[in-house]
Amino acid sequence: MARRILQLLIGLMLYGAGCALTIRAGWGVDPWTVFAEGISIHTGIGIGWVTNILGALVLLVWIPLRQRPGIGTIANVALVGTSIQATMALVPAAPDLWTGGAMLVGGILLVALASGLYLGAAFGPGPRDGLMTGLHRRLGWPIWVCRLLVESSVLIAGWLLGGTVGVGTVIFAICIGPLVHHALPLFDLGERRRVRVEA
């Protein structure tokens, strides 16, 4: 249990750090971070704090979907955005295109590794993943349809609010599923339970 908890906490903190690297890269970020960035621009609240707030709001949507959060779900809401905020305070924006590209690649790899860590601890999905699985369970739609619907909606909203959409957004979308698929078996400690990641 102690190892699972440690793995969960490390995974969530590294996840936030990876997201922060993709933000600082300046090439474009994942849909939820685009949304958080757009809100941050208009409110003046840091992207990390907005990420935490969005996670908490998404949990409210779990209620009609009859989803039950786990320890990992609550920890996700509290830690990912906090880690984003802390990392962005330490890491400056990329000074040039090539440094930005390296930061983007490093950030995506770190997010994939971190996903394997926290999902492998099997303490419950993050609020956004749980939203998609909840929609799948309640509506009967395929996971990929639920993911496409949710992530395209937040991506468009974030872009309209001024969030950064670019090549990095596309690279993240293409690469993150396969990378997490390979990272997860390395860290699966879920008491013999298998965690499926559907890209």
C-alpha atoms as a PDB file:
ATOM      1  CA  MET A   1       0.000   0.000   0.000  1.00  0.00           C
ATOM      2  CA  ALA A   2       2.790   2.431   0.882  1.00  0.00           C
ATOM      3  CA  ARG A   3       4.417   1.822  -2.479  1.00  0.00           C
ATOM      4  CA  ARG A   4       1.124   2.365  -4.299  1.00  0.00           C
ATOM      5  CA  ILE A   5       0.527   5.661  -2.494  1.00  0.00           C
ATOM      6  CA  LEU A   6       4.068   6.844  -3.215  1.00  0.00           C
ATOM      7  CA  GLN A   7       3.713   5.838  -6.853  1.00  0.00           C
ATOM      8  CA  LEU A   8       0.409   7.717  -7.085  1.00  0.00           C
ATOM      9  CA  LEU A   9       1.844  10.910  -5.616  1.00  0.00           C
ATOM     10  CA  ILE A  10       5.023  10.825  -7.706  1.00  0.00           C
ATOM     11  CA  GLY A  11       3.011  10.090 -10.840  1.00  0.00           C
ATOM     12  CA  LEU A  12       0.639  13.008 -10.314  1.00  0.00           C
ATOM     13  CA  MET A  13       3.434  15.467  -9.578  1.00  0.00           C
ATOM     14  CA  LEU A  14       5.385  14.326 -12.644  1.00  0.00           C
ATOM     15  CA  TYR A  15       2.215  14.570 -14.738  1.00  0.00           C
ATOM     16  CA  GLY A  16       1.860  18.216 -13.813  1.00  0.00           C
ATOM     17  CA  ALA A  17       5.547  18.841 -14.479  1.00  0.00           C
ATOM     18  CA  GLY A  18       5.223  17.272 -17.934  1.00  0.00           C
ATOM     19  CA  CYS A  19       2.210  19.452 -18.737  1.00  0.00           C
ATOM     20  CA  ALA A  20       4.151  22.523 -17.620  1.00  0.00           C
ATOM     21  CA  LEU A  21       7.012  21.639 -19.970  1.00  0.00           C
ATOM     22  CA  THR A  22       4.605  21.419 -22.909  1.00  0.00           C
ATOM     23  CA  ILE A  23       3.204  24.828 -21.961  1.00  0.00           C
ATOM     24  CA  ARG A  24       6.664  26.400 -21.741  1.00  0.00           C
ATOM     25  CA  ALA A  25       7.619  24.761 -25.061  1.00  0.00           C
ATOM     26  CA  GLY A  26       5.202  27.065 -26.881  1.00  0.00           C
ATOM     27  CA  TRP A  27       4.303  24.557 -29.581  1.00  0.00           C
ATOM     28  CA  GLY A  28       0.733  23.946 -28.446  1.00  0.00           C
ATOM     29  CA  VAL A  29      -0.688  21.880 -25.599  1.00  0.00           C
ATOM     30  CA  ASP A  30      -3.259  19.156 -24.963  1.00  0.00           C
ATOM     31  CA  PRO A  31      -6.973  20.095 -25.161  1.00  0.00           C
ATOM     32  CA  TRP A  32      -7.630  20.426 -21.425  1.00  0.00           C
ATOM     33  CA  THR A  33      -4.539  22.582 -20.963  1.00  0.00           C
ATOM     34  CA  VAL A  34      -5.612  24.740 -23.911  1.00  0.00           C
ATOM     35  CA  PHE A  35      -8.882  25.275 -22.051  1.00  0.00           C
ATOM     36  CA  ALA A  36      -7.129  26.025 -18.752  1.00  0.00           C
ATOM     37  CA  GLU A  37      -4.752  28.415 -20.506  1.00  0.00           C
ATOM     38  CA  GLY A  38      -7.634  30.248 -22.165  1.00  0.00           C
ATOM     39  CA  ILE A  39      -9.423  30.686 -18.838  1.00  0.00           C
ATOM     40  CA  SER A  40      -6.167  31.789 -17.230  1.00  0.00           C
ATOM     41  CA  ILE A  41      -5.707  34.521 -19.823  1.00  0.00           C
ATOM     42  CA  HIS A  42      -9.109  36.022 -19.052  1.00  0.00           C
ATOM     43  CA  THR A  43      -9.101  35.607 -15.278  1.00  0.00           C
ATOM     44  CA  GLY A  44      -5.481  36.173 -14.352  1.00  0.00           C
ATOM     45  CA  ILE A  45      -5.501  32.939 -12.352  1.00  0.00           C
ATOM     46  CA  GLY A  46      -2.459  30.717 -12.954  1.00  0.00           C
ATOM     47  CA  ILE A  47      -2.910  27.839 -15.407  1.00  0.00           C
ATOM     48  CA  GLY A  48      -2.127  25.307 -12.683  1.00  0.00           C
ATOM     49  CA  TRP A  49      -4.744  26.700 -10.312  1.00  0.00           C
ATOM     50  CA  VAL A  50      -7.289  26.765 -13.152  1.00  0.00           C
ATOM     51  CA  THR A  51      -6.453  23.109 -13.821  1.00  0.00           C
ATOM     52  CA  ASN A  52      -7.253  22.255 -10.202  1.00  0.00           C
ATOM     53  CA  ILE A  53     -10.520  24.205 -10.348  1.00  0.00           C
ATOM     54  CA  LEU A  54     -11.553  22.516 -13.595  1.00  0.00           C
ATOM     55  CA  GLY A  55     -10.805  19.117 -12.087  1.00  0.00           C
ATOM     56  CA  ALA A  56     -13.083  19.890  -9.155  1.00  0.00           C
ATOM     57  CA  LEU A  57     -15.854  21.120 -11.460  1.00  0.00           C
ATOM     58  CA  VAL A  58     -15.580  18.019 -13.630  1.00  0.00           C
ATOM     59  CA  LEU A  59     -16.134  15.919 -10.497  1.00  0.00           C
ATOM     60  CA  LEU A  60     -19.539  17.571 -10.116  1.00  0.00           C
ATOM     61  CA  VAL A  61     -20.473  16.164 -13.530  1.00  0.00           C
ATOM     62  CA  TRP A  62     -19.653  12.705 -12.158  1.00  0.00           C
ATOM     63  CA  ILE A  63     -22.739  12.913  -9.908  1.00  0.00           C
ATOM     64  CA  PRO A  64     -25.409  12.392 -12.610  1.00  0.00           C
ATOM     65  CA  LEU A  65     -23.099   9.866 -14.279  1.00  0.00           C
ATOM     66  CA  ARG A  66     -23.011   7.897 -11.001  1.00  0.00           C
ATOM     67  CA  GLN A  67     -19.249   7.809 -10.976  1.00  0.00           C
ATOM     68  CA  ARG A  68     -17.495   7.355  -7.646  1.00  0.00           C
ATOM     69  CA  PRO A  69     -14.139   9.050  -7.148  1.00  0.00           C
ATOM     70  CA  GLY A  70     -11.223   7.192  -5.620  1.00  0.00           C
ATOM     71  CA  ILE A  71      -8.312   8.459  -3.591  1.00  0.00           C
ATOM     72  CA  GLY A  72      -6.393   8.928  -6.815  1.00  0.00           C
ATOM     73  CA  THR A  73      -9.190  11.046  -8.268  1.00  0.00           C
ATOM     74  CA  ILE A  74      -9.129  13.497  -5.368  1.00  0.00           C
ATOM     75  CA  ALA A  75      -5.321  13.552  -5.332  1.00  0.00           C
ATOM     76  CA  ASN A  76      -5.368  14.274  -9.069  1.00  0.00           C
ATOM     77  CA  VAL A  77      -7.534  17.348  -8.527  1.00  0.00           C
ATOM     78  CA  ALA A  78      -5.237  18.638  -5.791  1.00  0.00           C
ATOM     79  CA  LEU A  79      -1.789  17.833  -7.160  1.00  0.00           C
ATOM     80  CA  VAL A  80      -1.638  18.033 -10.959  1.00  0.00           C
ATOM     81  CA  GLY A  81      -2.424  21.725 -11.232  1.00  0.00           C
ATOM     82  CA  THR A  82      -0.265  22.515  -8.215  1.00  0.00           C
ATOM     83  CA  SER A  83       2.661  20.777  -9.884  1.00  0.00           C
ATOM     84  CA  ILE A  84       1.997  22.672 -13.119  1.00  0.00           C
ATOM     85  CA  GLN A  85       2.074  25.957 -11.227  1.00  0.00           C
ATOM     86  CA  ALA A  86       5.259  25.088  -9.333  1.00  0.00           C
ATOM     87  CA  THR A  87       7.102  23.854 -12.425  1.00  0.00           C
ATOM     88  CA  MET A  88       6.147  26.909 -14.455  1.00  0.00           C
ATOM     89  CA  ALA A  89       7.557  29.090 -11.686  1.00  0.00           C
ATOM     90  CA  LEU A  90      10.902  27.297 -12.072  1.00  0.00           C
ATOM     91  CA  VAL A  91      11.081  26.683 -15.834  1.00  0.00           C
ATOM     92  CA  PRO A  92      11.128  29.688 -18.204  1.00  0.00           C
ATOM     93  CA  ALA A  93       9.594  29.708 -21.667  1.00  0.00           C
ATOM     94  CA  ALA A  94      11.680  28.112 -24.407  1.00  0.00           C
ATOM     95  CA  PRO A  95      14.081  30.715 -25.858  1.00  0.00           C
ATOM     96  CA  ASP A  96      13.966  29.310 -29.385  1.00  0.00           C
ATOM     97  CA  LEU A  97      12.134  26.860 -31.634  1.00  0.00           C
ATOM     98  CA  TRP A  98      14.497  23.914 -31.160  1.00  0.00           C
ATOM     99  CA  THR A  99      14.602  24.199 -27.397  1.00  0.00           C
ATOM    100  CA  GLY A 100      10.830  24.359 -27.455  1.00  0.00           C
ATOM    101  CA  GLY A 101      10.690  21.189 -29.532  1.00  0.00           C
ATOM    102  CA  ALA A 102      12.934  19.376 -27.070  1.00  0.00           C
ATOM    103  CA  MET A 103      10.796  20.590 -24.167  1.00  0.00           C
ATOM    104  CA  LEU A 104       7.647  19.414 -25.938  1.00  0.00           C
ATOM    105  CA  VAL A 105       9.054  15.925 -26.507  1.00  0.00           C
ATOM    106  CA  GLY A 106      10.330  15.756 -22.942  1.00  0.00           C
ATOM    107  CA  GLY A 107       6.996  16.935 -21.589  1.00  0.00           C
ATOM    108  CA  ILE A 108       4.991  14.370 -23.563  1.00  0.00           C
ATOM    109  CA  LEU A 109       7.303  11.543 -22.495  1.00  0.00           C
ATOM    110  CA  LEU A 110       7.068  12.688 -18.878  1.00  0.00           C
ATOM    111  CA  VAL A 111       3.255  12.820 -19.045  1.00  0.00           C
ATOM    112  CA  ALA A 112       3.185   9.277 -20.463  1.00  0.00           C
ATOM    113  CA  LEU A 113       5.532   7.964 -17.778  1.00  0.00           C
ATOM    114  CA  ALA A 114       3.565   9.760 -15.073  1.00  0.00           C
ATOM    115  CA  SER A 115       0.295   8.356 -16.410  1.00  0.00           C
ATOM    116  CA  GLY A 116       1.696   4.852 -16.147  1.00  0.00           C
ATOM    117  CA  LEU A 117       2.707   5.563 -12.554  1.00  0.00           C
ATOM    118  CA  TYR A 118      -0.543   7.007 -11.258  1.00  0.00           C
ATOM    119  CA  LEU A 119      -2.871   4.751 -13.240  1.00  0.00           C
ATOM    120  CA  GLY A 120      -0.776   1.729 -12.299  1.00  0.00           C
ATOM    121  CA  ALA A 121      -1.302   2.550  -8.623  1.00  0.00           C
ATOM    122  CA  ALA A 122      -5.022   1.831  -9.264  1.00  0.00           C
ATOM    123  CA  PHE A 123      -6.519   4.382  -6.892  1.00  0.00           C
ATOM    124  CA  GLY A 124      -9.098   5.592  -9.384  1.00  0.00           C
ATOM    125  CA  PRO A 125      -9.010   7.565 -12.642  1.00  0.00           C
ATOM    126  CA  GLY A 126      -8.450  11.282 -12.948  1.00  0.00           C
ATOM    127  CA  PRO A 127     -11.562  13.470 -13.171  1.00  0.00           C
ATOM    128  CA  ARG A 128     -11.306  13.915 -16.943  1.00  0.00           C
ATOM    129  CA  ASP A 129     -10.757  10.225 -17.702  1.00  0.00           C
ATOM    130  CA  GLY A 130     -13.605   9.354 -15.354  1.00  0.00           C
ATOM    131  CA  LEU A 131     -15.867  11.767 -17.202  1.00  0.00           C
ATOM    132  CA  MET A 132     -15.276   9.883 -20.443  1.00  0.00           C
ATOM    133  CA  THR A 133     -15.743   6.434 -18.931  1.00  0.00           C
ATOM    134  CA  GLY A 134     -18.850   7.684 -17.134  1.00  0.00           C
ATOM    135  CA  LEU A 135     -20.358   8.935 -20.372  1.00  0.00           C
ATOM    136  CA  HIS A 136     -19.497   5.610 -21.979  1.00  0.00           C
ATOM    137  CA  ARG A 137     -21.218   3.661 -19.206  1.00  0.00           C
ATOM    138  CA  ARG A 138     -24.331   5.849 -19.017  1.00  0.00           C
ATOM    139  CA  LEU A 139     -24.874   6.556 -22.713  1.00  0.00           C
ATOM    140  CA  GLY A 140     -23.413   3.424 -24.263  1.00  0.00           C
ATOM    141  CA  TRP A 141     -21.267   5.411 -26.664  1.00  0.00           C
ATOM    142  CA  PRO A 142     -17.791   4.071 -27.541  1.00  0.00           C
ATOM    143  CA  ILE A 143     -14.969   5.482 -25.427  1.00  0.00           C
ATOM    144  CA  TRP A 144     -13.373   7.087 -28.459  1.00  0.00           C
ATOM    145  CA  VAL A 145     -16.602   8.966 -29.262  1.00  0.00           C
ATOM    146  CA  CYS A 146     -16.861  10.235 -25.683  1.00  0.00           C
ATOM    147  CA  ARG A 147     -13.208  11.287 -25.714  1.00  0.00           C
ATOM    148  CA  LEU A 148     -13.559  13.015 -29.080  1.00  0.00           C
ATOM    149  CA  LEU A 149     -16.713  14.848 -27.985  1.00  0.00           C
ATOM    150  CA  VAL A 150     -15.289  16.055 -24.674  1.00  0.00           C
ATOM    151  CA  GLU A 151     -11.775  16.917 -25.823  1.00  0.00           C
ATOM    152  CA  SER A 152     -12.846  18.625 -29.051  1.00  0.00           C
ATOM    153  CA  SER A 153     -15.315  20.738 -27.038  1.00  0.00           C
ATOM    154  CA  VAL A 154     -12.722  21.919 -24.516  1.00  0.00           C
ATOM    155  CA  LEU A 155     -10.142  22.392 -27.274  1.00  0.00           C
ATOM    156  CA  ILE A 156     -12.437  24.664 -29.282  1.00  0.00           C
ATOM    157  CA  ALA A 157     -13.510  26.579 -26.176  1.00  0.00           C
ATOM    158  CA  GLY A 158      -9.893  27.010 -25.083  1.00  0.00           C
ATOM    159  CA  TRP A 159      -8.804  28.131 -28.541  1.00  0.00           C
ATOM    160  CA  LEU A 160     -11.601  30.719 -28.670  1.00  0.00           C
ATOM    161  CA  LEU A 161     -10.422  31.967 -25.275  1.00  0.00           C
ATOM    162  CA  GLY A 162      -6.865  32.362 -26.565  1.00  0.00           C
ATOM    163  CA  GLY A 163      -5.267  29.082 -25.483  1.00  0.00           C
ATOM    164  CA  THR A 164      -2.254  27.816 -27.443  1.00  0.00           C
ATOM    165  CA  VAL A 165      -3.190  25.366 -30.203  1.00  0.00           C
ATOM    166  CA  GLY A 166      -0.438  24.262 -32.540  1.00  0.00           C
ATOM    167  CA  VAL A 167       1.690  21.429 -33.851  1.00  0.00           C
ATOM    168  CA  GLY A 168       2.327  20.317 -30.282  1.00  0.00           C
ATOM    169  CA  THR A 169      -1.398  19.791 -29.766  1.00  0.00           C
ATOM    170  CA  VAL A 170      -1.492  17.365 -32.692  1.00  0.00           C
ATOM    171  CA  ILE A 171       1.721  15.592 -31.646  1.00  0.00           C
ATOM    172  CA  PHE A 172       0.385  15.174 -28.106  1.00  0.00           C
ATOM    173  CA  ALA A 173      -2.914  13.754 -29.354  1.00  0.00           C
ATOM    174  CA  ILE A 174      -1.215  11.246 -31.653  1.00  0.00           C
ATOM    175  CA  CYS A 175       1.523  10.090 -29.298  1.00  0.00           C
ATOM    176  CA  ILE A 176       0.081  10.073 -25.795  1.00  0.00           C
ATOM    177  CA  GLY A 177      -2.205   7.038 -26.163  1.00  0.00           C
ATOM    178  CA  PRO A 178       0.447   4.629 -27.492  1.00  0.00           C
ATOM    179  CA  LEU A 179       3.056   5.945 -25.041  1.00  0.00           C
ATOM    180  CA  VAL A 180       0.780   5.436 -22.022  1.00  0.00           C
ATOM    181  CA  HIS A 181      -0.137   1.993 -23.373  1.00  0.00           C
ATOM    182  CA  HIS A 182       3.529   1.022 -23.154  1.00  0.00           C
ATOM    183  CA  ALA A 183       4.211   2.794 -19.850  1.00  0.00           C
ATOM    184  CA  LEU A 184       1.295   1.354 -17.896  1.00  0.00           C
ATOM    185  CA  PRO A 185       2.410  -2.301 -17.713  1.00  0.00           C
ATOM    186  CA  LEU A 186       5.723  -1.177 -16.212  1.00  0.00           C
ATOM    187  CA  PHE A 187       4.010   0.226 -13.124  1.00  0.00           C
ATOM    188  CA  ASP A 188       0.753  -1.712 -12.736  1.00  0.00           C
ATOM    189  CA  LEU A 189       0.510  -2.450  -8.999  1.00  0.00           C
ATOM    190  CA  GLY A 190      -3.284  -2.595  -8.897  1.00  0.00           C
ATOM    191  CA  GLU A 191      -3.665  -5.754  -6.828  1.00  0.00           C
ATOM    192  CA  ARG A 192      -3.739  -7.888  -9.953  1.00  0.00           C
ATOM    193  CA  ARG A 193      -6.391  -5.650 -11.516  1.00  0.00           C
ATOM    194  CA  ARG A 194      -5.765  -4.612 -15.079  1.00  0.00           C
ATOM    195  CA  VAL A 195      -6.220  -0.950 -15.979  1.00  0.00           C
ATOM    196  CA  ARG A 196      -7.194  -0.370 -19.570  1.00  0.00           C
ATOM    197  CA  VAL A 197      -6.116   2.790 -21.344  1.00  0.00           C
ATOM    198  CA  GLU A 198      -8.148   3.534 -24.446  1.00  0.00           C
ATOM    199  CA  ALA A 199      -6.677   6.144 -26.737  1.00  0.00           C
END
